[in-house]
C-alpha atoms as a PDB file:
ATOM      1  CA  PRO A   1     -67.007 145.609  50.506  1.00  0.00           C
ATOM      2  CA  TYR A   2     -63.933 146.948  52.195  1.00  0.00           C
ATOM      3  CA  TYR A   3     -64.154 150.513  53.532  1.00  0.00           C
ATOM      4  CA  ILE A   4     -61.083 152.727  53.450  1.00  0.00           C
ATOM      5  CA  ASP A   5     -60.407 156.452  53.805  1.00  0.00           C
ATOM      6  CA  LEU A   6     -58.567 158.668  51.364  1.00  0.00           C
ATOM      7  CA  ASN A   7     -54.745 158.305  51.613  1.00  0.00           C
ATOM      8  CA  GLN A   8     -55.048 155.146  53.687  1.00  0.00           C
ATOM      9  CA  ASN A   9     -53.103 152.078  52.532  1.00  0.00           C
ATOM     10  CA  LEU A  10     -55.044 149.173  51.104  1.00  0.00           C
ATOM     11  CA  TYR A  11     -53.322 145.794  51.416  1.00  0.00           C
ATOM     12  CA  LEU A  12     -54.186 142.972  49.022  1.00  0.00           C
ATOM     13  CA  GLN A  13     -53.174 139.368  48.658  1.00  0.00           C
ATOM     14  CA  VAL A  14     -53.730 136.856  45.881  1.00  0.00           C
ATOM     15  CA  TYR A  15     -53.236 133.174  46.341  1.00  0.00           C
ATOM     16  CA  LEU A  16     -52.767 130.507  43.709  1.00  0.00           C
ATOM     17  CA  HIS A  17     -54.807 127.483  44.762  1.00  0.00           C
ATOM     18  CA  SER A  18     -52.693 124.656  43.405  1.00  0.00           C
ATOM     19  CA  SER A  19     -51.051 121.603  44.878  1.00  0.00           C
ATOM     20  CA  ASP A  20     -48.140 122.041  42.432  1.00  0.00           C
ATOM     21  CA  PRO A  21     -45.242 123.494  44.474  1.00  0.00           C
ATOM     22  CA  ASN A  22     -43.419 124.417  41.252  1.00  0.00           C
ATOM     23  CA  LEU A  23     -45.700 127.339  40.391  1.00  0.00           C
ATOM     24  CA  VAL A  24     -45.485 131.026  41.347  1.00  0.00           C
ATOM     25  CA  VAL A  25     -47.920 133.900  40.837  1.00  0.00           C
ATOM     26  CA  PHE A  26     -47.141 137.450  39.661  1.00  0.00           C
ATOM     27  CA  VAL A  27     -49.431 140.498  39.538  1.00  0.00           C
ATOM     28  CA  GLU A  28     -49.077 141.959  36.033  1.00  0.00           C
ATOM     29  CA  ALA A  29     -51.744 144.696  36.150  1.00  0.00           C
ATOM     30  CA  CYS A  30     -54.442 146.166  38.383  1.00  0.00           C
ATOM     31  CA  MET A  31     -56.955 148.865  37.613  1.00  0.00           C
ATOM     32  CA  ALA A  32     -59.771 150.566  39.447  1.00  0.00           C
ATOM     33  CA  SER A  33     -63.170 151.574  38.123  1.00  0.00           C
ATOM     34  CA  PRO A  34     -66.371 152.957  39.657  1.00  0.00           C
ATOM     35  CA  ASP A  35     -68.316 150.498  37.469  1.00  0.00           C
ATOM     36  CA  PRO A  36     -67.830 146.750  38.097  1.00  0.00           C
ATOM     37  CA  HIS A  37     -68.879 145.986  34.508  1.00  0.00           C
ATOM     38  CA  ASP A  38     -66.781 148.609  32.697  1.00  0.00           C
ATOM     39  CA  PHE A  39     -63.005 148.662  33.019  1.00  0.00           C
ATOM     40  CA  SER A  40     -62.426 150.661  29.838  1.00  0.00           C
ATOM     41  CA  THR A  41     -64.331 153.978  30.106  1.00  0.00           C
ATOM     42  CA  LEU A  42     -63.291 155.478  33.443  1.00  0.00           C
ATOM     43  CA  THR A  43     -60.338 153.676  35.020  1.00  0.00           C
ATOM     44  CA  TYR A  44     -57.187 154.286  36.995  1.00  0.00           C
ATOM     45  CA  ASN A  45     -54.170 152.027  36.449  1.00  0.00           C
ATOM     46  CA  ILE A  46     -52.674 151.133  39.795  1.00  0.00           C
ATOM     47  CA  LEU A  47     -50.279 148.635  38.215  1.00  0.00           C
ATOM     48  CA  GLU A  48     -49.368 148.172  34.550  1.00  0.00           C
ATOM     49  CA  ASN A  49     -46.686 145.888  33.061  1.00  0.00           C
ATOM     50  CA  GLY A  50     -45.683 145.022  36.621  1.00  0.00           C
ATOM     51  CA  CYS A  51     -44.998 148.719  37.374  1.00  0.00           C
ATOM     52  CA  GLY A  52     -47.016 150.486  40.042  1.00  0.00           C
ATOM     53  CA  ASP A  53     -47.782 154.098  40.759  1.00  0.00           C
ATOM     54  CA  SER A  54     -45.816 155.929  43.463  1.00  0.00           C
ATOM     55  CA  SER A  55     -47.938 154.472  46.277  1.00  0.00           C
ATOM     56  CA  TYR A  56     -47.664 150.866  45.085  1.00  0.00           C
ATOM     57  CA  ALA A  57     -45.382 148.413  46.894  1.00  0.00           C
ATOM     58  CA  THR A  58     -44.998 144.651  46.804  1.00  0.00           C
ATOM     59  CA  TYR A  59     -44.223 142.314  49.649  1.00  0.00           C
ATOM     60  CA  SER A  60     -42.292 139.566  47.965  1.00  0.00           C
ATOM     61  CA  PHE A  61     -42.438 135.983  49.028  1.00  0.00           C
ATOM     62  CA  PRO A  62     -40.088 134.240  46.621  1.00  0.00           C
ATOM     63  CA  ASP A  63     -41.057 130.806  45.393  1.00  0.00           C
ATOM     64  CA  SER A  64     -44.579 131.289  46.678  1.00  0.00           C
ATOM     65  CA  HIS A  65     -48.195 130.864  45.688  1.00  0.00           C
ATOM     66  CA  PHE A  66     -48.829 134.270  47.324  1.00  0.00           C
ATOM     67  CA  ALA A  67     -48.567 137.751  45.833  1.00  0.00           C
ATOM     68  CA  ARG A  68     -49.008 140.571  48.341  1.00  0.00           C
ATOM     69  CA  PHE A  69     -49.088 144.282  47.601  1.00  0.00           C
ATOM     70  CA  LYS A  70     -50.419 147.614  48.797  1.00  0.00           C
ATOM     71  CA  PHE A  71     -51.385 150.956  47.347  1.00  0.00           C
ATOM     72  CA  ASN A  72     -52.697 154.230  48.697  1.00  0.00           C
ATOM     73  CA  ALA A  73     -56.380 155.128  48.389  1.00  0.00           C
ATOM     74  CA  PHE A  74     -56.613 157.902  45.817  1.00  0.00           C
ATOM     75  CA  GLU A  75     -58.934 160.717  44.769  1.00  0.00           C
ATOM     76  CA  PHE A  76     -61.050 158.330  42.701  1.00  0.00           C
ATOM     77  CA  ILE A  77     -62.645 157.138  45.928  1.00  0.00           C
ATOM     78  CA  SER A  78     -63.804 160.584  47.050  1.00  0.00           C
ATOM     79  CA  ARG A  79     -65.611 161.179  43.733  1.00  0.00           C
ATOM     80  CA  HIS A  80     -67.315 157.784  43.660  1.00  0.00           C
ATOM     81  CA  PRO A  81     -68.867 155.962  46.605  1.00  0.00           C
ATOM     82  CA  LEU A  82     -67.613 152.573  45.376  1.00  0.00           C
ATOM     83  CA  VAL A  83     -64.491 151.567  43.474  1.00  0.00           C
ATOM     84  CA  TYR A  84     -63.909 148.122  41.997  1.00  0.00           C
ATOM     85  CA  LEU A  85     -60.556 146.493  41.331  1.00  0.00           C
ATOM     86  CA  GLN A  86     -59.606 144.166  38.517  1.00  0.00           C
ATOM     87  CA  CYS A  87     -56.186 142.539  38.401  1.00  0.00           C
ATOM     88  CA  GLU A  88     -54.360 140.453  35.823  1.00  0.00           C
ATOM     89  CA  LEU A  89     -52.220 137.639  37.191  1.00  0.00           C
ATOM     90  CA  VAL A  90     -49.533 135.501  35.590  1.00  0.00           C
ATOM     91  CA  VAL A  91     -48.668 131.980  36.710  1.00  0.00           C
ATOM     92  CA  CYS A  92     -45.164 130.703  35.948  1.00  0.00           C
ATOM     93  CA  ARG A  93     -42.923 127.779  36.654  1.00  0.00           C
ATOM     94  CA  LEU A  94     -40.811 128.136  39.782  1.00  0.00           C
ATOM     95  CA  ARG A  95     -37.290 129.415  39.065  1.00  0.00           C
ATOM     96  CA  ASP A  96     -37.964 129.909  35.336  1.00  0.00           C
ATOM     97  CA  TYR A  97     -36.050 133.175  35.297  1.00  0.00           C
ATOM     98  CA  SER A  98     -36.916 133.839  31.651  1.00  0.00           C
ATOM     99  CA  SER A  99     -40.653 133.842  32.500  1.00  0.00           C
ATOM    100  CA  ARG A 100     -42.742 136.987  33.036  1.00  0.00           C
ATOM    101  CA  CYS A 101     -42.942 136.328  36.786  1.00  0.00           C
ATOM    102  CA  TYR A 102     -39.236 136.992  37.251  1.00  0.00           C
ATOM    103  CA  GLN A 103     -38.920 140.075  35.014  1.00  0.00           C
ATOM    104  CA  GLY A 104     -40.619 142.502  37.414  1.00  0.00           C
ATOM    105  CA  CYS A 105     -41.479 146.000  36.213  1.00  0.00           C
ATOM    106  CA  ILE A 106     -41.177 146.429  32.453  1.00  0.00           C
ATOM    107  CA  SER A 107     -41.393 150.104  31.606  1.00  0.00           C
ATOM    108  CA  ARG A 108     -42.403 150.888  28.062  1.00  0.00           C
ATOM    109  CA  SER A 109     -39.835 152.695  25.979  1.00  0.00           C
ATOM    110  CA  LYS A 110     -40.874 156.113  24.716  1.00  0.00           C
ATOM    111  CA  ARG A 111     -40.985 156.764  21.006  1.00  0.00           C
ATOM    112  CA  ASP A 112     -39.070 159.575  19.411  1.00  0.00           C
ATOM    113  CA  THR A 113     -41.422 162.222  17.969  1.00  0.00           C
ATOM    114  CA  SER A 114     -39.108 162.976  15.058  1.00  0.00           C
END
C-alpha cells in the first residue's frame, strides 16, 4: 500500500516491459474503487478516453516505454480507508500517428436533447 493524505499529489508510472524499441504505451483510462474486486458499483473515473479530471497531469516522454502521470487525492479516500486503482493501457507502434497512443484526450461529443 501507498499512504497519501487528502489533496496530496499521487505520482504513478507504468512501464512496458518489451525489448522492442518500436512500441509506446498510453494510459487510456484509470478508475478508483474502495473494493479491489468491484470496479463497477462505486467508482471514480480519474481518466477516461485519455482525458483526466482537473487534477490529472501527464509527464510525457515521447517515444518511450514509460507513461507517467499524477492526480490529486480526492474525497473518496477520506470516506474509505483503502482505495484501489485500475488502469487501461494501450500499446502502439512508435510514430504511428493514426494510432490511439498519439490521439491524446478524446472528449465525447454531447447529444442534442431535441
